[in-house]
């Protein structure tokens, strides 16, 4: 890899680390707390209503939920907006798990987390764990 590529890769790693640090401090989680989080599920709305996963029903009194047909007849859109003490991060993970359970019948986990020996690998592992993909599901 040439010097420009290494520099660009290092800059991306630093930017990612800054974003993660802000999220840990609560900087970006508090902003936009009134915004909707959404996911599209490849199932009919009636099927989603009938089998809403436990990941979403556990905080049912902590958020507003909308289940509606997705645009272009592409399944169902699940939308949640926090109204209680549940964090956006927890709701985001619950939506991912619900999508996985509704489409595949289980929470699909990666075989192995991506690894890299240097400091960029630490940043990548940190971001992967924050997103719920590093074995913390």
N, C-alpha and C. Protein backbone atom coordinates (compact mmCIF):
# COMPACT_ATOMS: atom_id res chain seq x y z
N UNK A 1 0.86 -1.17 0.00
CA UNK A 1 0.00 0.00 0.00
C UNK A 1 0.91 1.23 0.00
N UNK A 2 0.56 2.22 -0.82
CA UNK A 2 1.40 3.43 -0.88
C UNK A 2 1.14 4.35 0.31
N UNK A 3 1.95 5.38 0.41
CA UNK A 3 1.88 6.29 1.56
C UNK A 3 0.54 7.01 1.64
N UNK A 4 0.02 7.43 0.50
CA UNK A 4 -1.27 8.13 0.49
C UNK A 4 -2.39 7.21 0.99
N UNK A 5 -2.34 5.95 0.59
CA UNK A 5 -3.35 5.00 1.04
C UNK A 5 -3.27 4.76 2.54
N UNK A 6 -2.05 4.64 3.05
CA UNK A 6 -1.87 4.45 4.49
C UNK A 6 -2.35 5.67 5.28
N UNK A 7 -2.06 6.86 4.75
CA UNK A 7 -2.50 8.08 5.41
C UNK A 7 -4.02 8.16 5.45
N UNK A 8 -4.64 7.85 4.32
CA UNK A 8 -6.11 7.87 4.25
C UNK A 8 -6.72 6.85 5.21
N UNK A 9 -6.13 5.66 5.26
CA UNK A 9 -6.61 4.64 6.17
C UNK A 9 -6.46 5.06 7.63
N UNK A 10 -5.34 5.69 7.96
CA UNK A 10 -5.12 6.16 9.33
C UNK A 10 -6.12 7.26 9.69
N UNK A 11 -6.37 8.17 8.75
CA UNK A 11 -7.33 9.25 9.00
C UNK A 11 -8.73 8.68 9.23
N UNK A 12 -9.10 7.66 8.47
CA UNK A 12 -10.41 7.04 8.66
C UNK A 12 -10.49 6.39 10.04
N UNK A 13 -9.41 5.77 10.47
CA UNK A 13 -9.38 5.15 11.80
C UNK A 13 -9.52 6.17 12.90
N UNK A 14 -8.84 7.30 12.76
CA UNK A 14 -8.94 8.37 13.77
C UNK A 14 -10.35 8.92 13.81
N UNK A 15 -10.94 9.15 12.63
CA UNK A 15 -12.31 9.68 12.58
C UNK A 15 -13.28 8.72 13.24
N UNK A 16 -13.10 7.42 13.00
CA UNK A 16 -13.96 6.42 13.61
C UNK A 16 -13.81 6.42 15.12
N UNK A 17 -12.58 6.52 15.59
CA UNK A 17 -12.34 6.54 17.04
C UNK A 17 -12.98 7.76 17.69
N UNK A 18 -12.96 8.90 17.00
CA UNK A 18 -13.58 10.11 17.53
C UNK A 18 -15.09 9.93 17.65
N UNK A 19 -15.70 9.34 16.62
CA UNK A 19 -17.14 9.11 16.65
C UNK A 19 -17.51 8.17 17.80
N UNK A 20 -16.74 7.11 17.97
CA UNK A 20 -17.01 6.17 19.04
C UNK A 20 -16.87 6.84 20.40
N UNK A 21 -15.83 7.65 20.55
CA UNK A 21 -15.62 8.35 21.83
C UNK A 21 -16.78 9.29 22.13
N UNK A 22 -17.27 9.98 21.13
CA UNK A 22 -18.42 10.89 21.34
C UNK A 22 -19.66 10.10 21.75
N UNK A 23 -19.86 8.97 21.13
CA UNK A 23 -21.03 8.16 21.48
C UNK A 23 -20.94 7.64 22.90
N UNK A 24 -19.74 7.26 23.31
CA UNK A 24 -19.57 6.78 24.69
C UNK A 24 -19.84 7.86 25.71
N UNK A 25 -19.48 9.09 25.37
CA UNK A 25 -19.75 10.22 26.27
C UNK A 25 -21.22 10.61 26.24
N UNK A 26 -21.95 10.11 25.26
CA UNK A 26 -23.36 10.45 25.16
C UNK A 26 -23.61 11.63 24.27
N UNK A 27 -22.61 12.11 23.56
CA UNK A 27 -22.76 13.29 22.73
C UNK A 27 -23.73 13.11 21.58
N UNK A 28 -23.60 12.03 20.83
CA UNK A 28 -24.47 11.87 19.68
C UNK A 28 -25.75 11.11 20.02
N UNK A 29 -25.75 10.37 21.15
CA UNK A 29 -26.95 9.63 21.50
C UNK A 29 -28.06 10.56 21.99
N UNK A 30 -27.68 11.67 22.62
CA UNK A 30 -28.67 12.62 23.11
C UNK A 30 -29.23 13.46 21.98
N UNK A 31 -28.42 13.73 20.97
CA UNK A 31 -28.90 14.52 19.86
C UNK A 31 -29.86 13.67 19.04
N UNK A 32 -30.95 14.25 18.62
CA UNK A 32 -31.90 13.54 17.79
C UNK A 32 -32.68 12.47 18.53
N UNK A 33 -32.82 12.60 19.85
CA UNK A 33 -33.52 11.55 20.59
C UNK A 33 -34.99 11.48 20.20
N UNK A 34 -35.51 12.53 19.57
CA UNK A 34 -36.89 12.51 19.13
C UNK A 34 -37.05 11.98 17.71
N UNK A 35 -35.96 11.53 17.11
CA UNK A 35 -36.02 11.02 15.75
C UNK A 35 -36.38 9.55 15.74
N UNK A 36 -36.99 9.13 14.64
CA UNK A 36 -37.39 7.74 14.48
C UNK A 36 -36.20 6.90 14.02
N UNK A 37 -36.13 5.68 14.51
CA UNK A 37 -35.22 4.66 14.00
C UNK A 37 -36.08 3.70 13.19
N UNK A 38 -35.58 3.27 12.03
CA UNK A 38 -36.41 2.43 11.17
C UNK A 38 -35.60 1.28 10.58
N UNK A 39 -36.31 0.20 10.29
CA UNK A 39 -35.72 -0.95 9.62
C UNK A 39 -36.81 -1.56 8.74
N UNK A 40 -36.41 -2.07 7.58
CA UNK A 40 -37.35 -2.73 6.68
C UNK A 40 -37.18 -4.23 6.81
N UNK A 41 -38.29 -4.93 7.01
CA UNK A 41 -38.29 -6.37 7.20
C UNK A 41 -38.98 -7.00 6.00
N UNK A 42 -38.41 -8.07 5.49
CA UNK A 42 -38.97 -8.74 4.32
C UNK A 42 -40.07 -9.72 4.73
N UNK A 43 -41.12 -9.18 5.33
CA UNK A 43 -42.29 -9.95 5.73
C UNK A 43 -43.51 -9.05 5.60
N UNK A 44 -44.67 -9.64 5.50
CA UNK A 44 -45.92 -8.88 5.40
C UNK A 44 -46.23 -8.23 6.75
N UNK A 45 -46.89 -7.06 6.74
CA UNK A 45 -47.24 -6.39 7.99
C UNK A 45 -48.04 -7.26 8.95
N UNK A 46 -48.95 -8.09 8.43
CA UNK A 46 -49.76 -8.95 9.29
C UNK A 46 -48.88 -9.95 10.03
N UNK A 47 -47.86 -10.48 9.34
CA UNK A 47 -46.97 -11.45 9.97
C UNK A 47 -46.12 -10.78 11.05
N UNK A 48 -45.72 -9.55 10.81
CA UNK A 48 -44.91 -8.82 11.79
C UNK A 48 -45.74 -8.53 13.03
N UNK A 49 -46.99 -8.07 12.83
CA UNK A 49 -47.88 -7.81 13.97
C UNK A 49 -48.08 -9.07 14.81
N UNK A 50 -48.23 -10.21 14.13
CA UNK A 50 -48.52 -11.46 14.83
C UNK A 50 -47.32 -12.02 15.59
N UNK A 51 -46.11 -11.70 15.15
CA UNK A 51 -44.93 -12.32 15.77
C UNK A 51 -43.85 -11.30 16.09
N UNK A 52 -44.21 -10.25 16.79
CA UNK A 52 -43.23 -9.23 17.18
C UNK A 52 -42.24 -9.84 18.17
N UNK A 53 -40.94 -9.79 17.87
CA UNK A 53 -39.94 -10.43 18.74
C UNK A 53 -39.86 -9.81 20.12
N UNK A 54 -39.36 -10.60 21.06
CA UNK A 54 -39.23 -10.19 22.46
C UNK A 54 -38.29 -9.00 22.62
N UNK A 55 -37.31 -8.87 21.72
CA UNK A 55 -36.37 -7.75 21.81
C UNK A 55 -37.09 -6.41 21.76
N UNK A 56 -38.18 -6.33 21.02
CA UNK A 56 -38.94 -5.08 20.96
C UNK A 56 -40.02 -5.00 22.03
N UNK A 57 -40.64 -6.11 22.36
CA UNK A 57 -41.73 -6.05 23.34
C UNK A 57 -41.23 -5.82 24.76
N UNK A 58 -39.96 -6.08 25.01
CA UNK A 58 -39.41 -5.91 26.37
C UNK A 58 -39.46 -4.45 26.82
N UNK A 59 -39.30 -3.49 25.88
CA UNK A 59 -39.33 -2.07 26.23
C UNK A 59 -40.58 -1.39 25.66
N UNK A 60 -41.65 -2.13 25.50
CA UNK A 60 -42.84 -1.61 24.81
C UNK A 60 -43.34 -0.29 25.38
N UNK A 61 -43.20 -0.09 26.70
CA UNK A 61 -43.69 1.16 27.30
C UNK A 61 -42.65 2.28 27.24
N UNK A 62 -41.47 2.01 26.64
CA UNK A 62 -40.39 2.99 26.58
C UNK A 62 -40.23 3.62 25.19
N UNK A 63 -41.02 3.20 24.23
CA UNK A 63 -40.91 3.77 22.88
C UNK A 63 -42.24 3.70 22.16
N UNK A 64 -42.33 4.50 21.12
CA UNK A 64 -43.49 4.48 20.25
C UNK A 64 -43.15 3.61 19.05
N UNK A 65 -44.04 2.71 18.67
CA UNK A 65 -43.79 1.77 17.58
C UNK A 65 -44.80 1.97 16.47
N UNK A 66 -44.31 1.99 15.24
CA UNK A 66 -45.18 2.03 14.06
C UNK A 66 -44.79 0.88 13.15
N UNK A 67 -45.80 0.13 12.73
CA UNK A 67 -45.59 -0.96 11.78
C UNK A 67 -46.44 -0.63 10.57
N UNK A 68 -45.79 -0.47 9.42
CA UNK A 68 -46.50 -0.07 8.21
C UNK A 68 -45.87 -0.73 6.99
N UNK A 69 -46.62 -0.86 5.90
CA UNK A 69 -46.03 -1.42 4.69
C UNK A 69 -44.89 -0.53 4.19
N UNK A 70 -43.82 -1.15 3.74
CA UNK A 70 -42.68 -0.40 3.21
C UNK A 70 -43.03 0.10 1.81
N UNK A 71 -42.39 1.16 1.42
CA UNK A 71 -42.65 1.72 0.10
C UNK A 71 -42.21 0.73 -0.98
N UNK A 72 -42.91 0.76 -2.10
CA UNK A 72 -42.58 -0.10 -3.22
C UNK A 72 -42.87 -1.57 -2.98
N UNK A 73 -43.78 -1.87 -2.05
CA UNK A 73 -44.16 -3.25 -1.75
C UNK A 73 -42.94 -4.10 -1.43
N UNK A 74 -42.07 -3.57 -0.58
CA UNK A 74 -40.81 -4.24 -0.23
C UNK A 74 -40.83 -4.82 1.18
N UNK A 75 -41.97 -5.17 1.69
CA UNK A 75 -42.06 -5.75 3.03
C UNK A 75 -42.74 -4.81 4.00
N UNK A 76 -42.19 -4.78 5.22
CA UNK A 76 -42.78 -3.99 6.31
C UNK A 76 -41.72 -3.10 6.92
N UNK A 77 -42.12 -1.90 7.25
CA UNK A 77 -41.21 -0.97 7.91
C UNK A 77 -41.56 -0.90 9.39
N UNK A 78 -40.57 -1.18 10.24
CA UNK A 78 -40.70 -1.02 11.68
C UNK A 78 -40.03 0.28 12.05
N UNK A 79 -40.76 1.16 12.73
CA UNK A 79 -40.21 2.44 13.16
C UNK A 79 -40.41 2.58 14.66
N UNK A 80 -39.35 2.98 15.36
CA UNK A 80 -39.43 3.21 16.80
C UNK A 80 -38.87 4.58 17.13
N UNK A 81 -39.47 5.19 18.14
CA UNK A 81 -39.02 6.49 18.63
C UNK A 81 -39.01 6.41 20.15
N UNK A 82 -37.85 6.64 20.78
CA UNK A 82 -37.79 6.53 22.24
C UNK A 82 -38.65 7.58 22.92
N UNK A 83 -39.38 7.14 23.95
CA UNK A 83 -40.20 8.07 24.73
C UNK A 83 -39.89 7.95 26.22
N UNK A 84 -39.14 6.92 26.60
CA UNK A 84 -38.82 6.69 28.01
C UNK A 84 -37.33 6.72 28.25
N UNK A 85 -36.87 5.84 29.14
CA UNK A 85 -35.47 5.82 29.55
C UNK A 85 -34.58 4.94 28.69
N UNK A 86 -35.13 4.19 27.75
CA UNK A 86 -34.31 3.30 26.92
C UNK A 86 -33.45 4.14 25.97
N UNK A 87 -32.19 3.72 25.79
CA UNK A 87 -31.28 4.48 24.93
C UNK A 87 -31.53 4.16 23.46
N UNK A 88 -31.15 5.09 22.60
CA UNK A 88 -31.27 4.87 21.16
C UNK A 88 -30.41 3.69 20.73
N UNK A 89 -29.26 3.54 21.37
CA UNK A 89 -28.37 2.42 21.03
C UNK A 89 -29.06 1.08 21.30
N UNK A 90 -29.70 0.95 22.46
CA UNK A 90 -30.41 -0.29 22.78
C UNK A 90 -31.56 -0.54 21.82
N UNK A 91 -32.28 0.52 21.45
CA UNK A 91 -33.37 0.38 20.49
C UNK A 91 -32.84 -0.02 19.12
N UNK A 92 -31.72 0.56 18.71
CA UNK A 92 -31.12 0.22 17.42
C UNK A 92 -30.74 -1.26 17.38
N UNK A 93 -30.13 -1.74 18.47
CA UNK A 93 -29.79 -3.16 18.54
C UNK A 93 -31.04 -4.05 18.54
N UNK A 94 -32.06 -3.62 19.27
CA UNK A 94 -33.31 -4.39 19.31
C UNK A 94 -33.95 -4.47 17.93
N UNK A 95 -33.88 -3.37 17.16
CA UNK A 95 -34.42 -3.39 15.80
C UNK A 95 -33.64 -4.36 14.92
N UNK A 96 -32.32 -4.34 15.03
CA UNK A 96 -31.50 -5.27 14.23
C UNK A 96 -31.84 -6.72 14.57
N UNK A 97 -31.94 -7.00 15.87
CA UNK A 97 -32.27 -8.36 16.28
C UNK A 97 -33.66 -8.76 15.80
N UNK A 98 -34.62 -7.84 15.92
CA UNK A 98 -35.99 -8.13 15.48
C UNK A 98 -36.02 -8.44 13.98
N UNK A 99 -35.30 -7.66 13.21
CA UNK A 99 -35.23 -7.90 11.76
C UNK A 99 -34.66 -9.29 11.49
N UNK A 100 -33.59 -9.63 12.19
CA UNK A 100 -32.96 -10.93 12.01
C UNK A 100 -33.91 -12.07 12.38
N UNK A 101 -34.58 -11.93 13.52
CA UNK A 101 -35.51 -12.98 13.97
C UNK A 101 -36.69 -13.10 13.02
N UNK A 102 -37.23 -12.00 12.57
CA UNK A 102 -38.39 -12.04 11.68
C UNK A 102 -38.04 -12.62 10.31
N UNK A 103 -36.84 -12.35 9.82
CA UNK A 103 -36.47 -12.82 8.48
C UNK A 103 -35.80 -14.19 8.49
N UNK A 104 -34.97 -14.47 9.49
CA UNK A 104 -34.20 -15.72 9.49
C UNK A 104 -34.62 -16.69 10.59
N UNK A 105 -35.45 -16.23 11.53
CA UNK A 105 -35.88 -17.11 12.61
C UNK A 105 -34.94 -17.13 13.81
N UNK A 106 -33.79 -16.46 13.70
CA UNK A 106 -32.83 -16.39 14.79
C UNK A 106 -31.95 -15.16 14.59
N UNK A 107 -31.22 -14.79 15.63
CA UNK A 107 -30.28 -13.69 15.50
C UNK A 107 -29.04 -14.23 14.81
N UNK A 108 -28.77 -13.72 13.63
CA UNK A 108 -27.63 -14.17 12.85
C UNK A 108 -26.39 -13.47 13.37
N UNK A 109 -25.37 -14.27 13.71
CA UNK A 109 -24.12 -13.73 14.25
C UNK A 109 -22.99 -13.98 13.26
N UNK A 110 -21.99 -13.09 13.24
CA UNK A 110 -20.85 -13.31 12.35
C UNK A 110 -20.01 -14.48 12.85
N UNK A 111 -19.32 -15.15 11.93
CA UNK A 111 -18.45 -16.26 12.32
C UNK A 111 -17.32 -15.77 13.21
N UNK A 112 -16.62 -14.74 12.76
CA UNK A 112 -15.54 -14.16 13.55
C UNK A 112 -15.57 -12.66 13.38
N UNK A 113 -15.11 -11.97 14.39
CA UNK A 113 -15.02 -10.52 14.30
C UNK A 113 -13.81 -10.16 13.44
N UNK A 114 -13.88 -9.08 12.67
CA UNK A 114 -12.72 -8.69 11.86
C UNK A 114 -11.56 -8.32 12.77
N UNK A 115 -10.36 -8.70 12.36
CA UNK A 115 -9.18 -8.41 13.16
C UNK A 115 -8.12 -7.72 12.33
N UNK A 116 -7.32 -6.93 12.97
CA UNK A 116 -6.19 -6.25 12.37
C UNK A 116 -5.21 -6.02 13.50
N UNK A 117 -3.92 -6.29 13.29
CA UNK A 117 -2.99 -6.25 14.41
C UNK A 117 -2.66 -4.88 14.98
N UNK A 118 -2.83 -3.82 14.22
CA UNK A 118 -2.38 -2.50 14.67
C UNK A 118 -3.45 -1.69 15.37
N UNK A 119 -3.19 -0.39 15.53
CA UNK A 119 -4.14 0.50 16.20
C UNK A 119 -5.46 0.60 15.45
N UNK A 120 -5.42 0.47 14.13
CA UNK A 120 -6.68 0.51 13.38
C UNK A 120 -7.54 -0.70 13.71
N UNK A 121 -6.89 -1.82 14.03
CA UNK A 121 -7.64 -3.00 14.43
C UNK A 121 -8.37 -2.78 15.74
N UNK A 122 -7.74 -2.05 16.67
CA UNK A 122 -8.41 -1.73 17.94
C UNK A 122 -9.64 -0.87 17.68
N UNK A 123 -9.48 0.13 16.80
CA UNK A 123 -10.60 1.00 16.48
C UNK A 123 -11.72 0.20 15.80
N UNK A 124 -11.34 -0.71 14.90
CA UNK A 124 -12.34 -1.53 14.21
C UNK A 124 -13.08 -2.44 15.19
N UNK A 125 -12.34 -3.07 16.12
CA UNK A 125 -12.99 -3.92 17.12
C UNK A 125 -13.91 -3.10 18.01
N UNK A 126 -13.49 -1.90 18.37
CA UNK A 126 -14.30 -1.03 19.21
C UNK A 126 -15.62 -0.68 18.52
N UNK A 127 -15.52 -0.31 17.24
CA UNK A 127 -16.72 0.05 16.47
C UNK A 127 -17.61 -1.18 16.30
N UNK A 128 -17.02 -2.32 16.01
CA UNK A 128 -17.80 -3.55 15.82
C UNK A 128 -18.53 -3.91 17.10
N UNK A 129 -17.85 -3.81 18.24
CA UNK A 129 -18.52 -4.12 19.52
C UNK A 129 -19.62 -3.13 19.83
N UNK A 130 -19.40 -1.83 19.54
CA UNK A 130 -20.42 -0.81 19.78
C UNK A 130 -21.66 -1.10 18.95
N UNK A 131 -21.46 -1.61 17.73
CA UNK A 131 -22.58 -1.89 16.82
C UNK A 131 -23.29 -3.19 17.14
N UNK A 132 -22.75 -3.95 18.09
CA UNK A 132 -23.40 -5.20 18.46
C UNK A 132 -22.96 -6.39 17.65
N UNK A 133 -21.88 -6.28 16.88
CA UNK A 133 -21.45 -7.38 16.04
C UNK A 133 -20.26 -8.14 16.55
N UNK A 134 -19.74 -7.79 17.69
CA UNK A 134 -18.53 -8.44 18.18
C UNK A 134 -18.79 -9.46 19.26
N UNK A 135 -19.87 -10.17 19.20
CA UNK A 135 -20.14 -11.20 20.18
C UNK A 135 -20.92 -10.71 21.39
N UNK A 136 -21.32 -9.44 21.40
CA UNK A 136 -22.07 -8.92 22.55
C UNK A 136 -23.56 -8.89 22.28
N UNK A 137 -24.07 -9.64 21.37
CA UNK A 137 -25.51 -9.65 21.09
C UNK A 137 -26.17 -10.37 22.18
